[in-house]
């Protein structure tokens, strides 16, 4: 909620006025207070130019959401240089039920790898991953890079060709460069899209 408000260029007081609630309600909603109703959260989101979406996350940790993700994670892990430390399902903050699919790190940087079996809604998938990265990077002294790992398919190649300008702005490091960094233990130095086959 705070990110939506700040992105919209609003103060808590301005958002509260737009949504017809008090500033203290905005503050509680941004702090994740469980007493704020879904209806109020939707009002606040709409007042900030967003909409609320609901996702379900398992309470008990499982290695990854499905075998397809696990297969992609195994391919990546199998090609990592020994300098990279690899962890799966890394919590992205205290008390959260969200986790980064895969985190690899060296003394130089942290790379959060979000594994998507298909690119369905690139902007939504990127936004969700970026929110996890923001939480993961709090208190981190090394840069935290974000990599979306997707299967190398005709559909993915068509997406890349069709959205090359957007992808070059948000995911500027090419797949080939990411693979080279992962194989050699050198820094990735940016965010990117990793094609896995």
N, C-alpha and C. Protein backbone atom coordinates (compact mmCIF):
# COMPACT_ATOMS: atom_id res chain seq x y z
N UNK A 1 0.83 -1.19 0.00
CA UNK A 1 0.00 0.00 0.00
C UNK A 1 0.87 1.26 0.00
N UNK A 2 1.94 1.23 0.81
CA UNK A 2 2.82 2.39 0.88
C UNK A 2 3.46 2.65 -0.49
N UNK A 3 3.88 1.59 -1.17
CA UNK A 3 4.51 1.75 -2.48
C UNK A 3 3.52 2.36 -3.47
N UNK A 4 2.28 1.89 -3.43
CA UNK A 4 1.24 2.44 -4.33
C UNK A 4 1.03 3.93 -4.05
N UNK A 5 0.97 4.29 -2.76
CA UNK A 5 0.75 5.69 -2.40
C UNK A 5 1.92 6.56 -2.83
N UNK A 6 3.13 6.11 -2.54
CA UNK A 6 4.32 6.89 -2.89
C UNK A 6 4.45 7.02 -4.41
N UNK A 7 4.19 5.92 -5.11
CA UNK A 7 4.25 5.94 -6.58
C UNK A 7 3.25 6.94 -7.16
N UNK A 8 2.10 7.07 -6.50
CA UNK A 8 1.08 8.03 -6.96
C UNK A 8 1.41 9.46 -6.53
N UNK A 9 2.48 9.63 -5.73
CA UNK A 9 2.89 10.97 -5.31
C UNK A 9 1.99 11.57 -4.24
N UNK A 10 1.41 10.71 -3.42
CA UNK A 10 0.46 11.17 -2.41
C UNK A 10 1.02 11.03 -1.00
N UNK A 11 0.62 11.93 -0.12
CA UNK A 11 0.91 11.77 1.30
C UNK A 11 -0.18 10.88 1.89
N UNK A 12 0.04 10.42 3.11
CA UNK A 12 -1.00 9.62 3.77
C UNK A 12 -2.29 10.43 3.92
N UNK A 13 -2.14 11.70 4.24
CA UNK A 13 -3.31 12.56 4.43
C UNK A 13 -4.08 12.72 3.11
N UNK A 14 -3.37 12.90 2.00
CA UNK A 14 -4.03 13.05 0.70
C UNK A 14 -4.76 11.76 0.30
N UNK A 15 -4.09 10.63 0.53
CA UNK A 15 -4.72 9.35 0.19
C UNK A 15 -5.96 9.13 1.05
N UNK A 16 -5.85 9.45 2.33
CA UNK A 16 -6.99 9.30 3.23
C UNK A 16 -8.18 10.14 2.75
N UNK A 17 -7.91 11.38 2.35
CA UNK A 17 -8.97 12.26 1.86
C UNK A 17 -9.62 11.68 0.62
N UNK A 18 -8.80 11.21 -0.33
CA UNK A 18 -9.35 10.63 -1.56
C UNK A 18 -10.22 9.40 -1.28
N UNK A 19 -9.81 8.59 -0.29
CA UNK A 19 -10.53 7.35 0.00
C UNK A 19 -11.67 7.54 0.99
N UNK A 20 -11.73 8.73 1.62
CA UNK A 20 -12.79 8.99 2.58
C UNK A 20 -12.59 8.29 3.92
N UNK A 21 -11.33 8.14 4.31
CA UNK A 21 -11.01 7.53 5.60
C UNK A 21 -10.03 8.45 6.34
N UNK A 22 -9.70 8.08 7.56
CA UNK A 22 -8.76 8.90 8.34
C UNK A 22 -7.31 8.53 7.98
N UNK A 23 -6.41 9.46 8.29
CA UNK A 23 -4.98 9.21 8.04
C UNK A 23 -4.49 8.03 8.86
N UNK A 24 -5.03 7.86 10.07
CA UNK A 24 -4.60 6.74 10.92
C UNK A 24 -4.96 5.39 10.27
N UNK A 25 -6.08 5.35 9.54
CA UNK A 25 -6.45 4.12 8.82
C UNK A 25 -5.42 3.82 7.74
N UNK A 26 -4.99 4.86 7.02
CA UNK A 26 -3.96 4.68 5.98
C UNK A 26 -2.70 4.15 6.62
N UNK A 27 -2.29 4.73 7.74
CA UNK A 27 -1.09 4.31 8.43
C UNK A 27 -1.18 2.84 8.86
N UNK A 28 -2.32 2.46 9.41
CA UNK A 28 -2.51 1.07 9.85
C UNK A 28 -2.50 0.11 8.65
N UNK A 29 -3.14 0.52 7.56
CA UNK A 29 -3.16 -0.34 6.36
C UNK A 29 -1.75 -0.53 5.82
N UNK A 30 -0.97 0.54 5.78
CA UNK A 30 0.41 0.44 5.29
C UNK A 30 1.27 -0.43 6.20
N UNK A 31 0.94 -0.47 7.47
CA UNK A 31 1.70 -1.29 8.43
C UNK A 31 1.23 -2.76 8.40
N UNK A 32 0.19 -3.05 7.60
CA UNK A 32 -0.30 -4.42 7.49
C UNK A 32 -1.18 -4.85 8.64
N UNK A 33 -1.80 -3.89 9.31
CA UNK A 33 -2.65 -4.20 10.46
C UNK A 33 -3.81 -5.10 10.01
N UNK A 34 -4.04 -6.21 10.72
CA UNK A 34 -5.09 -7.15 10.30
C UNK A 34 -6.50 -6.64 10.51
N UNK A 35 -6.68 -5.55 11.28
CA UNK A 35 -8.02 -5.03 11.54
C UNK A 35 -8.60 -4.17 10.42
N UNK A 36 -7.81 -3.92 9.38
CA UNK A 36 -8.30 -3.10 8.26
C UNK A 36 -9.02 -4.03 7.28
N UNK A 37 -10.27 -3.73 7.01
CA UNK A 37 -11.08 -4.61 6.15
C UNK A 37 -10.60 -4.60 4.71
N UNK A 38 -10.98 -5.64 4.00
CA UNK A 38 -10.66 -5.73 2.58
C UNK A 38 -11.31 -4.59 1.81
N UNK A 39 -12.52 -4.22 2.21
CA UNK A 39 -13.23 -3.11 1.56
C UNK A 39 -12.43 -1.81 1.66
N UNK A 40 -11.91 -1.52 2.85
CA UNK A 40 -11.12 -0.30 3.04
C UNK A 40 -9.81 -0.39 2.26
N UNK A 41 -9.20 -1.55 2.26
CA UNK A 41 -7.95 -1.72 1.48
C UNK A 41 -8.20 -1.47 -0.01
N UNK A 42 -9.35 -1.93 -0.50
CA UNK A 42 -9.71 -1.70 -1.90
C UNK A 42 -9.92 -0.21 -2.17
N UNK A 43 -10.58 0.48 -1.24
CA UNK A 43 -10.79 1.93 -1.39
C UNK A 43 -9.44 2.66 -1.45
N UNK A 44 -8.53 2.28 -0.57
CA UNK A 44 -7.21 2.92 -0.54
C UNK A 44 -6.44 2.65 -1.83
N UNK A 45 -6.49 1.41 -2.28
CA UNK A 45 -5.79 1.05 -3.51
C UNK A 45 -6.36 1.84 -4.69
N UNK A 46 -7.67 1.91 -4.79
CA UNK A 46 -8.30 2.66 -5.88
C UNK A 46 -7.94 4.14 -5.82
N UNK A 47 -7.90 4.70 -4.62
CA UNK A 47 -7.55 6.11 -4.46
C UNK A 47 -6.11 6.38 -4.87
N UNK A 48 -5.27 5.34 -4.84
CA UNK A 48 -3.86 5.48 -5.27
C UNK A 48 -3.68 5.04 -6.72
N UNK A 49 -4.79 4.72 -7.41
CA UNK A 49 -4.70 4.33 -8.81
C UNK A 49 -4.33 2.87 -9.03
N UNK A 50 -4.64 2.02 -8.05
CA UNK A 50 -4.34 0.59 -8.14
C UNK A 50 -5.59 -0.22 -7.85
N UNK A 51 -5.46 -1.52 -7.98
CA UNK A 51 -6.53 -2.40 -7.55
C UNK A 51 -5.92 -3.52 -6.72
N UNK A 52 -6.71 -4.09 -5.84
CA UNK A 52 -6.24 -5.15 -4.95
C UNK A 52 -6.41 -6.49 -5.66
N UNK A 53 -5.39 -7.30 -5.59
CA UNK A 53 -5.43 -8.66 -6.09
C UNK A 53 -5.13 -9.61 -4.95
N UNK A 54 -5.72 -10.76 -4.97
CA UNK A 54 -5.50 -11.73 -3.90
C UNK A 54 -4.77 -12.93 -4.47
N UNK A 55 -3.70 -13.33 -3.79
CA UNK A 55 -2.96 -14.53 -4.16
C UNK A 55 -2.89 -15.43 -2.95
N UNK A 56 -2.84 -16.71 -3.18
CA UNK A 56 -2.73 -17.68 -2.10
C UNK A 56 -1.31 -18.21 -2.05
N UNK A 57 -0.76 -18.31 -0.84
CA UNK A 57 0.58 -18.86 -0.62
C UNK A 57 0.47 -19.96 0.41
N UNK A 58 1.20 -21.04 0.21
CA UNK A 58 1.13 -22.13 1.19
C UNK A 58 1.73 -21.70 2.53
N UNK A 59 1.12 -22.19 3.61
CA UNK A 59 1.64 -21.87 4.95
C UNK A 59 2.89 -22.69 5.23
N UNK A 60 2.89 -23.91 4.82
CA UNK A 60 4.07 -24.75 5.03
C UNK A 60 4.92 -24.68 3.78
N UNK A 61 6.18 -24.56 3.99
CA UNK A 61 7.10 -24.40 2.86
C UNK A 61 7.16 -25.66 2.01
N UNK A 62 7.12 -25.47 0.73
CA UNK A 62 7.37 -26.56 -0.21
C UNK A 62 8.53 -26.09 -1.07
N UNK A 63 9.28 -27.00 -1.67
CA UNK A 63 10.47 -26.57 -2.41
C UNK A 63 10.19 -25.49 -3.45
N UNK A 64 9.23 -25.68 -4.29
CA UNK A 64 8.77 -24.67 -5.24
C UNK A 64 7.33 -25.00 -5.56
N UNK A 65 6.64 -24.07 -6.23
CA UNK A 65 5.20 -24.25 -6.42
C UNK A 65 4.85 -25.48 -7.23
N UNK A 66 5.69 -25.90 -8.16
CA UNK A 66 5.37 -27.07 -8.95
C UNK A 66 6.65 -27.67 -9.53
N UNK A 67 6.50 -28.84 -10.12
CA UNK A 67 7.67 -29.55 -10.63
C UNK A 67 8.32 -28.81 -11.80
N UNK A 68 7.55 -28.04 -12.56
CA UNK A 68 8.13 -27.26 -13.66
C UNK A 68 9.09 -26.21 -13.14
N UNK A 69 8.71 -25.53 -12.06
CA UNK A 69 9.62 -24.55 -11.46
C UNK A 69 10.85 -25.24 -10.90
N UNK A 70 10.65 -26.38 -10.26
CA UNK A 70 11.78 -27.10 -9.68
C UNK A 70 12.74 -27.55 -10.78
N UNK A 71 12.22 -27.96 -11.92
CA UNK A 71 13.09 -28.37 -13.03
C UNK A 71 13.95 -27.20 -13.50
N UNK A 72 13.35 -26.01 -13.62
CA UNK A 72 14.11 -24.83 -14.03
C UNK A 72 15.15 -24.48 -12.98
N UNK A 73 14.77 -24.56 -11.70
CA UNK A 73 15.73 -24.27 -10.62
C UNK A 73 16.90 -25.24 -10.67
N UNK A 74 16.63 -26.50 -10.95
CA UNK A 74 17.71 -27.50 -11.04
C UNK A 74 18.66 -27.21 -12.19
N UNK A 75 18.13 -26.75 -13.31
CA UNK A 75 19.00 -26.39 -14.45
C UNK A 75 19.91 -25.25 -14.05
N UNK A 76 19.35 -24.23 -13.44
CA UNK A 76 20.16 -23.06 -13.03
C UNK A 76 21.20 -23.49 -12.00
N UNK A 77 20.76 -24.20 -10.96
CA UNK A 77 21.69 -24.63 -9.90
C UNK A 77 22.81 -25.50 -10.45
N UNK A 78 22.49 -26.32 -11.43
CA UNK A 78 23.50 -27.20 -12.02
C UNK A 78 24.56 -26.48 -12.83
N UNK A 79 24.30 -25.25 -13.21
CA UNK A 79 25.26 -24.49 -14.02
C UNK A 79 25.99 -23.42 -13.22
N UNK A 80 25.71 -23.30 -11.92
CA UNK A 80 26.31 -22.25 -11.11
C UNK A 80 27.78 -22.53 -10.82
N UNK A 81 28.57 -21.48 -10.86
CA UNK A 81 29.97 -21.55 -10.44
C UNK A 81 29.98 -21.76 -8.92
N UNK A 82 31.03 -22.35 -8.40
CA UNK A 82 31.10 -22.64 -6.97
C UNK A 82 31.12 -21.40 -6.08
N UNK A 83 31.43 -20.23 -6.66
CA UNK A 83 31.40 -18.99 -5.86
C UNK A 83 29.99 -18.62 -5.43
N UNK A 84 28.99 -19.03 -6.21
CA UNK A 84 27.60 -18.68 -5.89
C UNK A 84 27.06 -19.62 -4.81
N UNK A 85 26.47 -19.05 -3.79
CA UNK A 85 25.72 -19.83 -2.80
C UNK A 85 24.27 -19.83 -3.28
N UNK A 86 23.62 -20.98 -3.25
CA UNK A 86 22.27 -21.12 -3.81
C UNK A 86 21.29 -21.54 -2.72
N UNK A 87 20.14 -20.82 -2.65
CA UNK A 87 19.08 -21.16 -1.71
C UNK A 87 17.74 -21.09 -2.43
N UNK A 88 16.83 -21.98 -2.06
CA UNK A 88 15.49 -22.00 -2.63
C UNK A 88 14.48 -21.51 -1.59
N UNK A 89 13.39 -20.91 -2.08
CA UNK A 89 12.29 -20.45 -1.24
C UNK A 89 12.80 -19.63 -0.06
N UNK A 90 13.45 -18.52 -0.36
CA UNK A 90 14.02 -17.65 0.66
C UNK A 90 12.96 -16.62 1.08
N UNK A 91 12.57 -16.61 2.38
CA UNK A 91 11.57 -15.63 2.82
C UNK A 91 12.02 -14.21 2.50
N UNK A 92 11.08 -13.39 2.06
CA UNK A 92 11.43 -12.03 1.66
C UNK A 92 11.17 -11.00 2.75
N UNK A 93 10.91 -11.44 3.95
CA UNK A 93 10.73 -10.51 5.05
C UNK A 93 10.16 -11.21 6.27
N UNK A 94 10.29 -10.59 7.43
CA UNK A 94 9.78 -11.22 8.65
C UNK A 94 8.26 -11.33 8.64
N UNK A 95 7.77 -12.50 9.01
CA UNK A 95 6.34 -12.70 9.12
C UNK A 95 5.60 -12.80 7.81
N UNK A 96 6.29 -12.79 6.69
CA UNK A 96 5.62 -12.86 5.40
C UNK A 96 5.52 -14.29 4.93
N UNK A 97 4.48 -14.59 4.18
CA UNK A 97 4.34 -15.91 3.61
C UNK A 97 4.84 -15.93 2.18
N UNK A 98 5.54 -14.90 1.77
CA UNK A 98 6.11 -14.85 0.43
C UNK A 98 7.58 -15.23 0.50
N UNK A 99 8.05 -15.81 -0.59
CA UNK A 99 9.46 -16.17 -0.65
C UNK A 99 9.96 -15.99 -2.07
N UNK A 100 11.22 -15.63 -2.18
CA UNK A 100 11.87 -15.60 -3.48
C UNK A 100 12.08 -17.04 -3.90
N UNK A 101 11.83 -17.35 -5.17
CA UNK A 101 11.96 -18.73 -5.63
C UNK A 101 13.39 -19.25 -5.43
N UNK A 102 14.36 -18.42 -5.78
CA UNK A 102 15.76 -18.83 -5.71
C UNK A 102 16.60 -17.60 -5.46
N UNK A 103 17.56 -17.71 -4.57
CA UNK A 103 18.50 -16.62 -4.32
C UNK A 103 19.90 -17.19 -4.42
N UNK A 104 20.71 -16.57 -5.27
CA UNK A 104 22.13 -16.94 -5.36
C UNK A 104 22.92 -15.70 -4.98
N UNK A 105 24.00 -15.90 -4.24
CA UNK A 105 24.76 -14.73 -3.84
C UNK A 105 26.24 -15.04 -3.70
N UNK A 106 27.04 -13.97 -3.84
CA UNK A 106 28.47 -13.98 -3.59
C UNK A 106 28.74 -12.81 -2.66
N UNK A 107 29.99 -12.58 -2.38
CA UNK A 107 30.35 -11.43 -1.54
C UNK A 107 30.01 -10.12 -2.24
N UNK A 108 29.89 -10.14 -3.58
CA UNK A 108 29.66 -8.92 -4.36
C UNK A 108 28.21 -8.52 -4.51
N UNK A 109 27.32 -9.50 -4.69
CA UNK A 109 25.92 -9.16 -4.95
C UNK A 109 25.00 -10.34 -4.65
N UNK A 110 23.72 -10.02 -4.56
CA UNK A 110 22.66 -11.00 -4.36
C UNK A 110 21.82 -11.00 -5.63
N UNK A 111 21.47 -12.18 -6.13
CA UNK A 111 20.61 -12.28 -7.30
C UNK A 111 19.36 -13.06 -6.90
N UNK A 112 18.23 -12.35 -6.93
CA UNK A 112 16.93 -12.98 -6.67
C UNK A 112 16.42 -13.49 -8.01
N UNK A 113 16.18 -14.77 -8.11
CA UNK A 113 15.70 -15.37 -9.35
C UNK A 113 14.26 -15.83 -9.13
N UNK A 114 13.34 -15.21 -9.85
CA UNK A 114 11.94 -15.60 -9.80
C UNK A 114 11.66 -16.47 -11.03
N UNK A 115 11.17 -17.65 -10.79
CA UNK A 115 10.97 -18.63 -11.85
C UNK A 115 9.51 -18.61 -12.29
N UNK A 116 9.30 -18.30 -13.55
CA UNK A 116 7.95 -18.27 -14.14
C UNK A 116 7.91 -19.32 -15.25
N UNK A 117 6.93 -20.20 -15.19
CA UNK A 117 6.83 -21.23 -16.23
C UNK A 117 6.35 -20.65 -17.55
N UNK A 118 5.69 -19.50 -17.50
CA UNK A 118 5.23 -18.81 -18.70
C UNK A 118 5.08 -17.33 -18.37
N UNK A 119 5.27 -16.51 -19.36
CA UNK A 119 5.05 -15.08 -19.18
C UNK A 119 3.61 -14.81 -19.61
N UNK A 120 2.74 -14.63 -18.62
CA UNK A 120 1.32 -14.43 -18.87
C UNK A 120 0.99 -12.94 -18.87
N UNK A 121 1.42 -12.25 -17.83
CA UNK A 121 1.21 -10.82 -17.69
C UNK A 121 2.54 -10.25 -17.18
N UNK A 122 3.39 -9.87 -18.12
CA UNK A 122 4.76 -9.47 -17.77
C UNK A 122 4.80 -8.40 -16.69
N UNK A 123 4.00 -7.36 -16.85
CA UNK A 123 4.04 -6.26 -15.89
C UNK A 123 3.64 -6.72 -14.49
N UNK A 124 2.60 -7.54 -14.38
CA UNK A 124 2.18 -8.04 -13.06
C UNK A 124 3.23 -8.96 -12.46
N UNK A 125 3.80 -9.83 -13.29
CA UNK A 125 4.83 -10.74 -12.79
C UNK A 125 6.07 -9.96 -12.35
N UNK A 126 6.45 -8.96 -13.12
CA UNK A 126 7.60 -8.13 -12.76
C UNK A 126 7.34 -7.37 -11.47
N UNK A 127 6.14 -6.78 -11.36
CA UNK A 127 5.79 -6.01 -10.17
C UNK A 127 5.84 -6.87 -8.92
N UNK A 128 5.28 -8.06 -8.97
CA UNK A 128 5.29 -8.97 -7.81
C UNK A 128 6.72 -9.33 -7.42
N UNK A 129 7.55 -9.59 -8.41
CA UNK A 129 8.95 -9.93 -8.13
C UNK A 129 9.70 -8.73 -7.55
N UNK A 130 9.41 -7.54 -8.08
CA UNK A 130 10.09 -6.33 -7.60
C UNK A 130 9.71 -6.02 -6.15
N UNK A 131 8.47 -6.29 -5.77
CA UNK A 131 8.06 -6.08 -4.38
C UNK A 131 8.81 -7.03 -3.45
N UNK A 132 8.97 -8.28 -3.87
CA UNK A 132 9.75 -9.23 -3.08
C UNK A 132 11.19 -8.75 -2.96
N UNK A 133 11.74 -8.25 -4.07
CA UNK A 133 13.11 -7.77 -4.05
C UNK A 133 13.29 -6.61 -3.08
N UNK A 134 12.32 -5.71 -3.06
CA UNK A 134 12.41 -4.56 -2.17
C UNK A 134 12.51 -5.02 -0.72
N UNK A 135 11.68 -5.98 -0.34
CA UNK A 135 11.72 -6.49 1.02
C UNK A 135 13.00 -7.26 1.29
N UNK A 136 13.41 -8.07 0.33
CA UNK A 136 14.63 -8.86 0.47
C UNK A 136 15.86 -7.97 0.64
N UNK A 137 15.86 -6.83 -0.03
CA UNK A 137 17.04 -5.96 -0.03
C UNK A 137 17.15 -5.09 1.23
N UNK A 138 16.09 -5.02 2.02
CA UNK A 138 16.15 -4.20 3.24
C UNK A 138 17.22 -4.77 4.17
N UNK A 139 18.14 -3.93 4.55
CA UNK A 139 19.22 -4.35 5.44
C UNK A 139 20.37 -5.04 4.73
N UNK A 140 20.26 -5.22 3.43
CA UNK A 140 21.32 -5.87 2.66
C UNK A 140 22.35 -4.83 2.24
N UNK A 141 23.59 -5.13 2.40
CA UNK A 141 24.65 -4.17 2.04
C UNK A 141 25.16 -4.39 0.62
N UNK A 142 24.77 -5.47 0.01
CA UNK A 142 25.16 -5.75 -1.37
C UNK A 142 24.00 -5.42 -2.29
N UNK A 143 24.30 -5.11 -3.55
CA UNK A 143 23.18 -4.89 -4.50
C UNK A 143 22.37 -6.17 -4.65
N UNK A 144 21.05 -6.01 -4.76
CA UNK A 144 20.17 -7.15 -5.00
C UNK A 144 19.63 -7.02 -6.43
N UNK A 145 20.05 -7.93 -7.27
CA UNK A 145 19.61 -7.96 -8.68
C UNK A 145 18.37 -8.82 -8.78
N UNK A 146 17.55 -8.53 -9.79
CA UNK A 146 16.33 -9.30 -10.00
C UNK A 146 16.37 -9.93 -11.38
N UNK A 147 16.21 -11.24 -11.42
CA UNK A 147 16.23 -11.98 -12.67
C UNK A 147 14.95 -12.80 -12.76
N UNK A 148 14.23 -12.63 -13.86
CA UNK A 148 13.07 -13.49 -14.14
C UNK A 148 13.56 -14.63 -15.02
N UNK A 149 13.42 -15.84 -14.53
CA UNK A 149 13.84 -17.02 -15.30
C UNK A 149 12.61 -17.65 -15.93
N UNK A 150 12.67 -17.82 -17.24
CA UNK A 150 11.54 -18.38 -17.98
C UNK A 150 12.05 -19.42 -18.96
N UNK A 151 11.21 -20.40 -19.30
CA UNK A 151 11.65 -21.39 -20.29
C UNK A 151 11.90 -20.73 -21.64
N UNK A 152 12.90 -21.22 -22.33
CA UNK A 152 13.21 -20.70 -23.67
C UNK A 152 12.27 -21.38 -24.66
N UNK A 153 11.20 -20.67 -25.02
CA UNK A 153 10.19 -21.21 -25.92
C UNK A 153 9.92 -20.19 -27.04
N UNK A 154 9.16 -20.63 -28.03
CA UNK A 154 8.78 -19.71 -29.10
C UNK A 154 7.94 -18.56 -28.55
N UNK A 155 7.06 -18.87 -27.58
CA UNK A 155 6.20 -17.83 -26.99
C UNK A 155 7.05 -16.79 -26.26
N UNK A 156 8.08 -17.23 -25.55
CA UNK A 156 8.95 -16.28 -24.84
C UNK A 156 9.71 -15.42 -25.85
N UNK A 157 10.22 -16.03 -26.89
CA UNK A 157 10.95 -15.26 -27.92
C UNK A 157 10.03 -14.24 -28.58
N UNK A 158 8.76 -14.61 -28.82
CA UNK A 158 7.80 -13.66 -29.40
C UNK A 158 7.55 -12.50 -28.45
N UNK A 159 7.45 -12.80 -27.15
CA UNK A 159 7.27 -11.74 -26.15
C UNK A 159 8.46 -10.78 -26.18
N UNK A 160 9.65 -11.32 -26.21
CA UNK A 160 10.86 -10.49 -26.21
C UNK A 160 10.87 -9.58 -27.44
N UNK A 161 10.53 -10.12 -28.58
CA UNK A 161 10.51 -9.30 -29.80
C UNK A 161 9.40 -8.26 -29.74
N UNK A 162 8.25 -8.63 -29.19
CA UNK A 162 7.11 -7.71 -29.15
C UNK A 162 7.21 -6.63 -28.09
N UNK A 163 8.01 -6.86 -27.05
CA UNK A 163 8.12 -5.87 -25.97
C UNK A 163 9.59 -5.51 -25.72
N UNK A 164 10.35 -5.45 -26.78
CA UNK A 164 11.80 -5.23 -26.63
C UNK A 164 12.12 -3.91 -25.94
N UNK A 165 11.37 -2.85 -26.22
CA UNK A 165 11.66 -1.55 -25.60
C UNK A 165 11.41 -1.60 -24.09
N UNK A 166 10.26 -2.14 -23.68
CA UNK A 166 9.93 -2.26 -22.26
C UNK A 166 10.93 -3.17 -21.56
N UNK A 167 11.25 -4.30 -22.16
CA UNK A 167 12.19 -5.23 -21.56
C UNK A 167 13.57 -4.63 -21.42
N UNK A 168 13.99 -3.86 -22.41
CA UNK A 168 15.33 -3.27 -22.33
C UNK A 168 15.42 -2.23 -21.22
N UNK A 169 14.30 -1.60 -20.87
CA UNK A 169 14.31 -0.62 -19.77
C UNK A 169 14.28 -1.30 -18.41
N UNK A 170 13.51 -2.37 -18.27
CA UNK A 170 13.34 -3.00 -16.96
C UNK A 170 14.30 -4.17 -16.75
N UNK A 171 14.63 -4.88 -17.79
CA UNK A 171 15.50 -6.06 -17.69
C UNK A 171 16.66 -5.90 -18.67
N UNK A 172 17.56 -5.01 -18.35
CA UNK A 172 18.60 -4.59 -19.30
C UNK A 172 19.72 -5.60 -19.52
N UNK A 173 19.92 -6.54 -18.60
CA UNK A 173 21.01 -7.50 -18.77
C UNK A 173 20.49 -8.69 -19.59
N UNK A 174 21.11 -8.97 -20.74
CA UNK A 174 20.62 -10.07 -21.58
C UNK A 174 20.88 -11.45 -20.96
N UNK A 175 20.10 -12.40 -21.39
CA UNK A 175 20.20 -13.76 -20.88
C UNK A 175 21.61 -14.32 -21.01
N UNK A 176 22.24 -14.12 -22.13
CA UNK A 176 23.59 -14.63 -22.37
C UNK A 176 24.58 -14.10 -21.33
N UNK A 177 24.45 -12.82 -20.98
CA UNK A 177 25.34 -12.20 -19.98
C UNK A 177 25.07 -12.77 -18.59
N UNK A 178 23.80 -13.01 -18.27
CA UNK A 178 23.46 -13.59 -16.97
C UNK A 178 24.05 -14.99 -16.86
N UNK A 179 23.87 -15.80 -17.91
CA UNK A 179 24.41 -17.16 -17.89
C UNK A 179 25.93 -17.13 -17.70
N UNK A 180 26.59 -16.23 -18.40
CA UNK A 180 28.05 -16.13 -18.27
C UNK A 180 28.44 -15.80 -16.82
N UNK A 181 27.74 -14.86 -16.21
CA UNK A 181 28.03 -14.48 -14.82
C UNK A 181 27.78 -15.65 -13.86
N UNK A 182 26.68 -16.37 -14.05
CA UNK A 182 26.38 -17.49 -13.18
C UNK A 182 27.39 -18.62 -13.34
N UNK A 183 27.84 -18.84 -14.55
CA UNK A 183 28.82 -19.92 -14.80
C UNK A 183 30.22 -19.57 -14.33
N UNK A 184 30.57 -18.28 -14.35
CA UNK A 184 31.94 -17.88 -14.01
C UNK A 184 32.08 -17.33 -12.59
N UNK A 185 30.98 -17.09 -11.92
CA UNK A 185 31.03 -16.53 -10.57
C UNK A 185 31.24 -15.03 -10.55
N UNK A 186 31.04 -14.38 -11.69
CA UNK A 186 31.22 -12.92 -11.76
C UNK A 186 29.88 -12.23 -11.52
N UNK A 187 29.89 -10.93 -11.19
CA UNK A 187 28.64 -10.22 -10.91
C UNK A 187 27.72 -10.13 -12.14
N UNK A 188 26.42 -10.15 -11.88
CA UNK A 188 25.43 -9.99 -12.94
C UNK A 188 25.32 -8.51 -13.31
N UNK A 189 25.45 -7.62 -12.33
CA UNK A 189 25.48 -6.17 -12.53
C UNK A 189 24.20 -5.56 -13.10
N UNK A 190 23.04 -6.14 -12.80
CA UNK A 190 21.78 -5.55 -13.25
C UNK A 190 20.67 -6.56 -13.25
N UNK A 191 19.48 -6.11 -13.63
CA UNK A 191 18.31 -6.98 -13.71
C UNK A 191 18.19 -7.54 -15.12
N UNK A 192 17.60 -8.72 -15.24
CA UNK A 192 17.49 -9.30 -16.56
C UNK A 192 16.49 -10.44 -16.65
N UNK A 193 16.31 -10.90 -17.88
CA UNK A 193 15.44 -12.03 -18.20
C UNK A 193 16.34 -13.20 -18.59
N UNK A 194 16.23 -14.31 -17.88
CA UNK A 194 17.07 -15.48 -18.11
C UNK A 194 16.26 -16.54 -18.84
N UNK A 195 16.70 -16.88 -20.03
CA UNK A 195 16.04 -17.92 -20.81
C UNK A 195 16.69 -19.26 -20.47
N UNK A 196 15.85 -20.21 -20.03
CA UNK A 196 16.36 -21.51 -19.56
C UNK A 196 15.85 -22.60 -20.49
N UNK A 197 16.78 -23.45 -20.94
CA UNK A 197 16.37 -24.60 -21.76
C UNK A 197 17.06 -25.85 -21.29
